[in-house]
PDB file of N, CA and C in Angstrom:
ATOM      1  N   MET A   1      13.598 119.370-107.043  1.00  0.00           N
ATOM      2  CA  MET A   1      13.360 119.896-105.702  1.00  0.00           C
ATOM      3  C   MET A   1      12.105 120.768-105.721  1.00  0.00           C
ATOM      4  N   THR A   2      11.317 120.680-104.687  1.00  0.00           N
ATOM      5  CA  THR A   2      10.066 121.425-104.585  1.00  0.00           C
ATOM      6  C   THR A   2      10.340 122.868-104.156  1.00  0.00           C
ATOM      7  N   GLU A   3       9.558 123.783-104.678  1.00  0.00           N
ATOM      8  CA  GLU A   3       9.664 125.178-104.256  1.00  0.00           C
ATOM      9  C   GLU A   3       9.231 125.290-102.795  1.00  0.00           C
ATOM     10  N   ALA A   4       9.794 126.252-102.078  1.00  0.00           N
ATOM     11  CA  ALA A   4       9.460 126.441-100.661  1.00  0.00           C
ATOM     12  C   ALA A   4       7.961 126.645-100.460  1.00  0.00           C
ATOM     13  N   ALA A   5       7.316 127.345-101.366  1.00  0.00           N
ATOM     14  CA  ALA A   5       5.889 127.636-101.206  1.00  0.00           C
ATOM     15  C   ALA A   5       5.021 126.389-101.299  1.00  0.00           C
ATOM     16  N   ASP A   6       5.548 125.313-101.887  1.00  0.00           N
ATOM     17  CA  ASP A   6       4.766 124.100-102.090  1.00  0.00           C
ATOM     18  C   ASP A   6       4.948 123.056-101.001  1.00  0.00           C
ATOM     19  N   ARG A   7       5.855 123.258-100.088  1.00  0.00           N
ATOM     20  CA  ARG A   7       6.092 122.245 -99.068  1.00  0.00           C
ATOM     21  C   ARG A   7       5.798 122.817 -97.690  1.00  0.00           C
ATOM     22  N   PRO A   8       5.485 121.951 -96.737  1.00  0.00           N
ATOM     23  CA  PRO A   8       5.180 122.456 -95.395  1.00  0.00           C
ATOM     24  C   PRO A   8       6.444 122.911 -94.669  1.00  0.00           C
ATOM     25  N   CYS A   9       6.254 123.697 -93.656  1.00  0.00           N
ATOM     26  CA  CYS A   9       7.353 124.125 -92.805  1.00  0.00           C
ATOM     27  C   CYS A   9       7.986 122.885 -92.180  1.00  0.00           C
ATOM     28  N   ARG A  10       9.301 122.840 -92.120  1.00  0.00           N
ATOM     29  CA  ARG A  10       9.970 121.642 -91.605  1.00  0.00           C
ATOM     30  C   ARG A  10       9.674 121.387 -90.134  1.00  0.00           C
ATOM     31  N   GLY A  11       9.269 122.418 -89.393  1.00  0.00           N
ATOM     32  CA  GLY A  11       8.959 122.241 -87.980  1.00  0.00           C
ATOM     33  C   GLY A  11       7.504 121.903 -87.708  1.00  0.00           C
ATOM     34  N   CYS A  12       6.687 121.899 -88.747  1.00  0.00           N
ATOM     35  CA  CYS A  12       5.254 121.673 -88.569  1.00  0.00           C
ATOM     36  C   CYS A  12       4.839 120.292 -89.058  1.00  0.00           C
ATOM     37  N   ARG A  13       3.759 119.804 -88.491  1.00  0.00           N
ATOM     38  CA  ARG A  13       3.176 118.561 -88.994  1.00  0.00           C
ATOM     39  C   ARG A  13       2.583 118.819 -90.379  1.00  0.00           C
ATOM     40  N   GLN A  14       2.416 117.785 -91.128  1.00  0.00           N
ATOM     41  CA  GLN A  14       1.864 117.892 -92.480  1.00  0.00           C
ATOM     42  C   GLN A  14       0.477 118.542 -92.480  1.00  0.00           C
ATOM     43  N   ASP A  15      -0.321 118.267 -91.440  1.00  0.00           N
ATOM     44  CA  ASP A  15      -1.683 118.782 -91.389  1.00  0.00           C
ATOM     45  C   ASP A  15      -1.803 120.120 -90.645  1.00  0.00           C
ATOM     46  N   ALA A  16      -0.675 120.726 -90.303  1.00  0.00           N
ATOM     47  CA  ALA A  16      -0.712 122.010 -89.583  1.00  0.00           C
ATOM     48  C   ALA A  16      -1.311 123.090 -90.485  1.00  0.00           C
ATOM     49  N   GLU A  17      -2.076 123.964 -89.880  1.00  0.00           N
ATOM     50  CA  GLU A  17      -2.708 125.038 -90.643  1.00  0.00           C
ATOM     51  C   GLU A  17      -2.684 126.317 -89.824  1.00  0.00           C
ATOM     52  N   LEU A  18      -2.238 127.377 -90.436  1.00  0.00           N
ATOM     53  CA  LEU A  18      -2.229 128.678 -89.790  1.00  0.00           C
ATOM     54  C   LEU A  18      -3.245 129.550 -90.511  1.00  0.00           C
ATOM     55  N   LEU A  19      -4.225 130.019 -89.780  1.00  0.00           N
ATOM     56  CA  LEU A  19      -5.279 130.830 -90.375  1.00  0.00           C
ATOM     57  C   LEU A  19      -4.968 132.314 -90.219  1.00  0.00           C
ATOM     58  N   GLU A  20      -5.449 133.088 -91.169  1.00  0.00           N
ATOM     59  CA  GLU A  20      -5.269 134.541 -91.119  1.00  0.00           C
ATOM     60  C   GLU A  20      -5.847 135.117 -89.826  1.00  0.00           C
ATOM     61  N   GLU A  21      -6.927 134.532 -89.335  1.00  0.00           N
ATOM     62  CA  GLU A  21      -7.532 135.038 -88.096  1.00  0.00           C
ATOM     63  C   GLU A  21      -6.576 134.854 -86.913  1.00  0.00           C
ATOM     64  N   HIS A  22      -5.761 133.816 -86.922  1.00  0.00           N
ATOM     65  CA  HIS A  22      -4.761 133.630 -85.859  1.00  0.00           C
ATOM     66  C   HIS A  22      -3.703 134.731 -85.920  1.00  0.00           C
ATOM     67  N   ILE A  23      -3.257 135.038 -87.115  1.00  0.00           N
ATOM     68  CA  ILE A  23      -2.263 136.098 -87.294  1.00  0.00           C
ATOM     69  C   ILE A  23      -2.850 137.438 -86.859  1.00  0.00           C
ATOM     70  N   ARG A  24      -4.080 137.712 -87.277  1.00  0.00           N
ATOM     71  CA  ARG A  24      -4.746 138.973 -86.889  1.00  0.00           C
ATOM     72  C   ARG A  24      -4.884 139.081 -85.377  1.00  0.00           C
ATOM     73  N   ALA A  25      -5.182 137.967 -84.719  1.00  0.00           N
ATOM     74  CA  ALA A  25      -5.333 137.976 -83.256  1.00  0.00           C
ATOM     75  C   ALA A  25      -4.013 138.320 -82.581  1.00  0.00           C
ATOM     76  N   VAL A  26      -2.932 137.773 -83.065  1.00  0.00           N
ATOM     77  CA  VAL A  26      -1.617 138.092 -82.489  1.00  0.00           C
ATOM     78  C   VAL A  26      -1.296 139.564 -82.723  1.00  0.00           C
ATOM     79  N   LEU A  27      -1.507 140.038 -83.931  1.00  0.00           N
ATOM     80  CA  LEU A  27      -1.204 141.436 -84.246  1.00  0.00           C
ATOM     81  C   LEU A  27      -2.105 142.422 -83.500  1.00  0.00           C
ATOM     82  N   ALA A  28      -3.236 141.962 -82.999  1.00  0.00           N
ATOM     83  CA  ALA A  28      -4.141 142.816 -82.219  1.00  0.00           C
ATOM     84  C   ALA A  28      -3.753 142.874 -80.744  1.00  0.00           C
ATOM     85  N   SER A  29      -2.776 142.090 -80.337  1.00  0.00           N
ATOM     86  CA  SER A  29      -2.370 142.072 -78.927  1.00  0.00           C
ATOM     87  C   SER A  29      -1.651 143.370 -78.547  1.00  0.00           C
ATOM     88  N   PRO A  30      -1.612 143.711 -77.256  1.00  0.00           N
ATOM     89  CA  PRO A  30      -0.986 144.958 -76.806  1.00  0.00           C
ATOM     90  C   PRO A  30       0.482 145.115 -77.234  1.00  0.00           C
ATOM     91  N   MET A  31       1.175 144.024 -77.392  1.00  0.00           N
ATOM     92  CA  MET A  31       2.576 144.093 -77.814  1.00  0.00           C
ATOM     93  C   MET A  31       2.729 144.805 -79.159  1.00  0.00           C
ATOM     94  N   PHE A  32       1.720 144.701 -80.013  1.00  0.00           N
ATOM     95  CA  PHE A  32       1.788 145.282 -81.346  1.00  0.00           C
ATOM     96  C   PHE A  32       1.034 146.615 -81.449  1.00  0.00           C
ATOM     97  N   ALA A  33       0.654 147.187 -80.331  1.00  0.00           N
ATOM     98  CA  ALA A  33      -0.021 148.490 -80.344  1.00  0.00           C
ATOM     99  C   ALA A  33       0.944 149.558 -80.864  1.00  0.00           C
ATOM    100  N   PRO A  34       0.421 150.551 -81.573  1.00  0.00           N
ATOM    101  CA  PRO A  34       1.286 151.595 -82.133  1.00  0.00           C
ATOM    102  C   PRO A  34       2.166 152.296 -81.092  1.00  0.00           C
ATOM    103  N   ASP A  35       1.671 152.412 -79.857  1.00  0.00           N
ATOM    104  CA  ASP A  35       2.444 153.104 -78.824  1.00  0.00           C
ATOM    105  C   ASP A  35       3.372 152.168 -78.028  1.00  0.00           C
ATOM    106  N   SER A  36       3.508 150.921 -78.452  1.00  0.00           N
ATOM    107  CA  SER A  36       4.349 149.965 -77.724  1.00  0.00           C
ATOM    108  C   SER A  36       5.836 150.269 -77.895  1.00  0.00           C
ATOM    109  N   GLY A  37       6.186 150.966 -78.966  1.00  0.00           N
ATOM    110  CA  GLY A  37       7.594 151.247 -79.241  1.00  0.00           C
ATOM    111  C   GLY A  37       8.333 150.072 -79.857  1.00  0.00           C
ATOM    112  N   LEU A  38       7.641 148.971 -80.071  1.00  0.00           N
ATOM    113  CA  LEU A  38       8.277 147.767 -80.610  1.00  0.00           C
ATOM    114  C   LEU A  38       8.093 147.588 -82.114  1.00  0.00           C
ATOM    115  N   CYS A  39       7.153 148.330 -82.678  1.00  0.00           N
ATOM    116  CA  CYS A  39       6.760 148.097 -84.067  1.00  0.00           C
ATOM    117  C   CYS A  39       7.262 149.162 -85.031  1.00  0.00           C
ATOM    118  N   VAL A  40       7.423 148.735 -86.278  1.00  0.00           N
ATOM    119  CA  VAL A  40       7.819 149.654 -87.341  1.00  0.00           C
ATOM    120  C   VAL A  40       6.588 150.432 -87.806  1.00  0.00           C
ATOM    121  N   PRO A  41       6.795 151.589 -88.446  1.00  0.00           N
ATOM    122  CA  PRO A  41       5.660 152.318 -89.023  1.00  0.00           C
ATOM    123  C   PRO A  41       4.981 151.464 -90.110  1.00  0.00           C
ATOM    124  N   ASP A  42       3.718 151.765 -90.378  1.00  0.00           N
ATOM    125  CA  ASP A  42       2.948 150.987 -91.349  1.00  0.00           C
ATOM    126  C   ASP A  42       3.602 150.911 -92.722  1.00  0.00           C
ATOM    127  N   ASP A  43       4.210 152.011 -93.196  1.00  0.00           N
ATOM    128  CA  ASP A  43       4.826 151.987 -94.523  1.00  0.00           C
ATOM    129  C   ASP A  43       6.029 151.034 -94.566  1.00  0.00           C
ATOM    130  N   VAL A  44       6.790 150.973 -93.491  1.00  0.00           N
ATOM    131  CA  VAL A  44       7.924 150.050 -93.412  1.00  0.00           C
ATOM    132  C   VAL A  44       7.403 148.613 -93.359  1.00  0.00           C
ATOM    133  N   TYR A  45       6.352 148.396 -92.583  1.00  0.00           N
ATOM    134  CA  TYR A  45       5.745 147.068 -92.474  1.00  0.00           C
ATOM    135  C   TYR A  45       5.272 146.569 -93.841  1.00  0.00           C
ATOM    136  N   GLU A  46       4.557 147.406 -94.561  1.00  0.00           N
ATOM    137  CA  GLU A  46       4.055 147.017 -95.886  1.00  0.00           C
ATOM    138  C   GLU A  46       5.197 146.746 -96.854  1.00  0.00           C
ATOM    139  N   ALA A  47       6.266 147.531 -96.784  1.00  0.00           N
ATOM    140  CA  ALA A  47       7.426 147.303 -97.657  1.00  0.00           C
ATOM    141  C   ALA A  47       8.093 145.966 -97.320  1.00  0.00           C
ATOM    142  N   ARG A  48       8.216 145.663 -96.042  1.00  0.00           N
ATOM    143  CA  ARG A  48       8.793 144.382 -95.622  1.00  0.00           C
ATOM    144  C   ARG A  48       7.943 143.217 -96.133  1.00  0.00           C
ATOM    145  N   LEU A  49       6.634 143.321 -95.973  1.00  0.00           N
ATOM    146  CA  LEU A  49       5.750 142.253 -96.439  1.00  0.00           C
ATOM    147  C   LEU A  49       5.863 142.055 -97.946  1.00  0.00           C
ATOM    148  N   ALA A  50       5.950 143.139 -98.687  1.00  0.00           N
ATOM    149  CA  ALA A  50       6.078 143.040-100.144  1.00  0.00           C
ATOM    150  C   ALA A  50       7.382 142.325-100.522  1.00  0.00           C
ATOM    151  N   LEU A  51       8.454 142.636 -99.818  1.00  0.00           N
ATOM    152  CA  LEU A  51       9.729 141.967-100.090  1.00  0.00           C
ATOM    153  C   LEU A  51       9.634 140.476 -99.773  1.00  0.00           C
ATOM    154  N   CYS A  52       8.992 140.138 -98.680  1.00  0.00           N
ATOM    155  CA  CYS A  52       8.835 138.728 -98.311  1.00  0.00           C
ATOM    156  C   CYS A  52       7.943 137.988 -99.293  1.00  0.00           C
ATOM    157  N   ARG A  53       6.897 138.649 -99.774  1.00  0.00           N
ATOM    158  CA  ARG A  53       5.998 137.998-100.735  1.00  0.00           C
ATOM    159  C   ARG A  53       6.724 137.626-102.024  1.00  0.00           C
ATOM    160  N   SER A  54       7.780 138.358-102.354  1.00  0.00           N
ATOM    161  CA  SER A  54       8.538 138.067-103.576  1.00  0.00           C
ATOM    162  C   SER A  54       9.680 137.076-103.333  1.00  0.00           C
ATOM    163  N   CYS A  55       9.808 136.593-102.129  1.00  0.00           N
ATOM    164  CA  CYS A  55      10.896 135.688-101.765  1.00  0.00           C
ATOM    165  C   CYS A  55      10.523 134.227-102.044  1.00  0.00           C
ATOM    166  N   PRO A  56      11.413 133.473-102.683  1.00  0.00           N
ATOM    167  CA  PRO A  56      11.121 132.062-102.948  1.00  0.00           C
ATOM    168  C   PRO A  56      11.125 131.198-101.687  1.00  0.00           C
ATOM    169  N   LYS A  57      11.561 131.744-100.573  1.00  0.00           N
ATOM    170  CA  LYS A  57      11.599 131.000 -99.318  1.00  0.00           C
ATOM    171  C   LYS A  57      10.338 131.184 -98.479  1.00  0.00           C
ATOM    172  N   LEU A  58       9.331 131.849 -99.020  1.00  0.00           N
ATOM    173  CA  LEU A  58       8.075 132.043 -98.304  1.00  0.00           C
ATOM    174  C   LEU A  58       7.187 130.811 -98.485  1.00  0.00           C
ATOM    175  N   ILE A  59       6.763 130.220 -97.392  1.00  0.00           N
ATOM    176  CA  ILE A  59       5.932 129.019 -97.421  1.00  0.00           C
ATOM    177  C   ILE A  59       4.493 129.399 -97.071  1.00  0.00           C
ATOM    178  N   GLY A  60       3.581 129.022 -97.924  1.00  0.00           N
ATOM    179  CA  GLY A  60       2.158 129.219 -97.640  1.00  0.00           C
ATOM    180  C   GLY A  60       1.732 130.667 -97.495  1.00  0.00           C
ATOM    181  N   GLY A  61       2.537 131.582 -97.960  1.00  0.00           N
ATOM    182  CA  GLY A  61       2.197 132.995 -97.878  1.00  0.00           C
ATOM    183  C   GLY A  61       2.439 133.636 -96.525  1.00  0.00           C
ATOM    184  N   HIS A  62       2.995 132.858 -95.562  1.00  0.00           N
ATOM    185  CA  HIS A  62       3.174 133.436 -94.229  1.00  0.00           C
ATOM    186  C   HIS A  62       4.376 132.925 -93.447  1.00  0.00           C
ATOM    187  N   THR A  63       4.994 131.828 -93.842  1.00  0.00           N
ATOM    188  CA  THR A  63       6.082 131.255 -93.055  1.00  0.00           C
ATOM    189  C   THR A  63       7.414 131.371 -93.787  1.00  0.00           C
ATOM    190  N   CYS A  64       8.441 131.816 -93.079  1.00  0.00           N
ATOM    191  CA  CYS A  64       9.783 131.930 -93.646  1.00  0.00           C
ATOM    192  C   CYS A  64      10.465 130.562 -93.565  1.00  0.00           C
ATOM    193  N   ALA A  65      10.890 130.024 -94.704  1.00  0.00           N
ATOM    194  CA  ALA A  65      11.560 128.724 -94.730  1.00  0.00           C
ATOM    195  C   ALA A  65      12.969 128.796 -94.154  1.00  0.00           C
ATOM    196  N   VAL A  66      13.550 129.975 -94.066  1.00  0.00           N
ATOM    197  CA  VAL A  66      14.903 130.116 -93.530  1.00  0.00           C
ATOM    198  C   VAL A  66      14.899 129.960 -92.013  1.00  0.00           C
ATOM    199  N   CYS A  67      13.965 130.658 -91.341  1.00  0.00           N
ATOM    200  CA  CYS A  67      13.979 130.642 -89.875  1.00  0.00           C
ATOM    201  C   CYS A  67      12.721 130.063 -89.236  1.00  0.00           C
ATOM    202  N   GLY A  68      11.669 129.853 -90.024  1.00  0.00           N
ATOM    203  CA  GLY A  68      10.432 129.296 -89.494  1.00  0.00           C
ATOM    204  C   GLY A  68       9.491 130.296 -88.867  1.00  0.00           C
ATOM    205  N   SER A  69       9.825 131.575 -88.949  1.00  0.00           N
ATOM    206  CA  SER A  69       8.966 132.585 -88.323  1.00  0.00           C
ATOM    207  C   SER A  69       7.732 132.868 -89.173  1.00  0.00           C
ATOM    208  N   ILE A  70       6.720 133.428 -88.523  1.00  0.00           N
ATOM    209  CA  ILE A  70       5.497 133.847 -89.202  1.00  0.00           C
ATOM    210  C   ILE A  70       5.744 135.284 -89.669  1.00  0.00           C
ATOM    211  N   VAL A  71       5.906 135.449 -90.956  1.00  0.00           N
ATOM    212  CA  VAL A  71       6.345 136.717 -91.545  1.00  0.00           C
ATOM    213  C   VAL A  71       5.471 137.909 -91.171  1.00  0.00           C
ATOM    214  N   PRO A  72       4.132 137.842 -91.262  1.00  0.00           N
ATOM    215  CA  PRO A  72       3.343 139.029 -90.917  1.00  0.00           C
ATOM    216  C   PRO A  72       3.523 139.483 -89.467  1.00  0.00           C
ATOM    217  N   ILE A  73       4.008 138.603 -88.622  1.00  0.00           N
ATOM    218  CA  ILE A  73       4.236 138.965 -87.224  1.00  0.00           C
ATOM    219  C   ILE A  73       5.633 139.547 -87.041  1.00  0.00           C
ATOM    220  N   VAL A  74       6.658 138.851 -87.480  1.00  0.00           N
ATOM    221  CA  VAL A  74       8.021 139.344 -87.254  1.00  0.00           C
ATOM    222  C   VAL A  74       8.348 140.585 -88.083  1.00  0.00           C
ATOM    223  N   ALA A  75       7.703 140.744 -89.238  1.00  0.00           N
ATOM    224  CA  ALA A  75       7.955 141.924 -90.063  1.00  0.00           C
ATOM    225  C   ALA A  75       7.480 143.202 -89.375  1.00  0.00           C
ATOM    226  N   LYS A  76       6.609 143.067 -88.408  1.00  0.00           N
ATOM    227  CA  LYS A  76       6.075 144.212 -87.673  1.00  0.00           C
ATOM    228  C   LYS A  76       7.055 144.722 -86.605  1.00  0.00           C
ATOM    229  N   LEU A  77       8.013 143.895 -86.212  1.00  0.00           N
ATOM    230  CA  LEU A  77       8.908 144.239 -85.101  1.00  0.00           C
ATOM    231  C   LEU A  77      10.170 144.964 -85.550  1.00  0.00           C
ATOM    232  N   LYS A  78      10.469 146.082 -84.873  1.00  0.00           N
ATOM    233  CA  LYS A  78      11.637 146.904 -85.204  1.00  0.00           C
ATOM    234  C   LYS A  78      12.953 146.144 -85.134  1.00  0.00           C
ATOM    235  N   ASP A  79      13.085 145.290 -84.125  1.00  0.00           N
ATOM    236  CA  ASP A  79      14.380 144.655 -83.881  1.00  0.00           C
ATOM    237  C   ASP A  79      14.622 143.395 -84.708  1.00  0.00           C
ATOM    238  N   ARG A  80      13.740 143.074 -85.625  1.00  0.00           N
ATOM    239  CA  ARG A  80      13.921 141.899 -86.474  1.00  0.00           C
ATOM    240  C   ARG A  80      14.444 142.304 -87.845  1.00  0.00           C
ATOM    241  N   ALA A  81      15.133 141.381 -88.477  1.00  0.00           N
ATOM    242  CA  ALA A  81      15.659 141.577 -89.822  1.00  0.00           C
ATOM    243  C   ALA A  81      15.423 140.305 -90.620  1.00  0.00           C
ATOM    244  N   CYS A  82      15.439 140.409 -91.908  1.00  0.00           N
ATOM    245  CA  CYS A  82      15.291 139.249 -92.775  1.00  0.00           C
ATOM    246  C   CYS A  82      16.441 138.276 -92.490  1.00  0.00           C
ATOM    247  N   PRO A  83      16.134 136.995 -92.292  1.00  0.00           N
ATOM    248  CA  PRO A  83      17.172 136.027 -91.949  1.00  0.00           C
ATOM    249  C   PRO A  83      17.898 135.405 -93.144  1.00  0.00           C
ATOM    250  N   ALA A  84      17.593 135.851 -94.356  1.00  0.00           N
ATOM    251  CA  ALA A  84      18.234 135.257 -95.535  1.00  0.00           C
ATOM    252  C   ALA A  84      19.752 135.436 -95.449  1.00  0.00           C
ATOM    253  N   PRO A  85      20.490 134.347 -95.511  1.00  0.00           N
ATOM    254  CA  PRO A  85      21.949 134.441 -95.390  1.00  0.00           C
ATOM    255  C   PRO A  85      22.570 135.156 -96.590  1.00  0.00           C
ATOM    256  N   GLY A  86      23.487 136.053 -96.296  1.00  0.00           N
ATOM    257  CA  GLY A  86      24.222 136.741 -97.352  1.00  0.00           C
ATOM    258  C   GLY A  86      23.556 137.979 -97.921  1.00  0.00           C
ATOM    259  N   ALA A  87      22.272 137.926 -98.162  1.00  0.00           N
ATOM    260  CA  ALA A  87      21.582 139.053 -98.795  1.00  0.00           C
ATOM    261  C   ALA A  87      20.188 139.233 -98.195  1.00  0.00           C
ATOM    262  N   PRO A  88      20.113 139.745 -96.957  1.00  0.00           N
ATOM    263  CA  PRO A  88      18.789 139.948 -96.360  1.00  0.00           C
ATOM    264  C   PRO A  88      17.963 140.943 -97.172  1.00  0.00           C
ATOM    265  N   ARG A  89      16.678 140.718 -97.240  1.00  0.00           N
ATOM    266  CA  ARG A  89      15.788 141.593 -98.003  1.00  0.00           C
ATOM    267  C   ARG A  89      15.413 142.854 -97.243  1.00  0.00           C
ATOM    268  N   TRP A  90      15.472 142.804 -95.903  1.00  0.00           N
ATOM    269  CA  TRP A  90      15.213 143.993 -95.085  1.00  0.00           C
ATOM    270  C   TRP A  90      15.999 143.887 -93.797  1.00  0.00           C
ATOM    271  N   THR A  91      16.241 145.050 -93.178  1.00  0.00           N
ATOM    272  CA  THR A  91      17.093 145.124 -92.004  1.00  0.00           C
ATOM    273  C   THR A  91      16.315 145.649 -90.800  1.00  0.00           C
ATOM    274  N   ARG A  92      16.974 145.637 -89.648  1.00  0.00           N
ATOM    275  CA  ARG A  92      16.377 146.205 -88.422  1.00  0.00           C
ATOM    276  C   ARG A  92      16.043 147.670 -88.665  1.00  0.00           C
ATOM    277  N   HIS A  93      15.024 148.127 -87.969  1.00  0.00           N
ATOM    278  CA  HIS A  93      14.586 149.511 -88.106  1.00  0.00           C
ATOM    279  C   HIS A  93      15.031 150.307 -86.876  1.00  0.00           C
ATOM    280  N   ALA A  94      15.612 151.445 -87.121  1.00  0.00           N
ATOM    281  CA  ALA A  94      16.121 152.283 -86.010  1.00  0.00           C
ATOM    282  C   ALA A  94      15.008 152.882 -85.186  1.00  0.00           C
TER     283      ALA A  94
END
């Protein structure tokens, strides 16, 4: 069986490509502004990203194989939690 990092997201075409500039553009939107009340503090965000980077379910350095979300985006949101069944790597932020 292939590692998650070596195979494409099951919801994407084989030739799909997500660029870092696309992720940066989303994170620059007003929804992710520090005063939006929707985002975790930077230290929590960095800790979440580090946990995801060590996860075998991370595809291409940015996509979660469990739920299909773009990790650098969802990790920024307070109301999101790691979707790994049984043992999530991070939880919702109060």
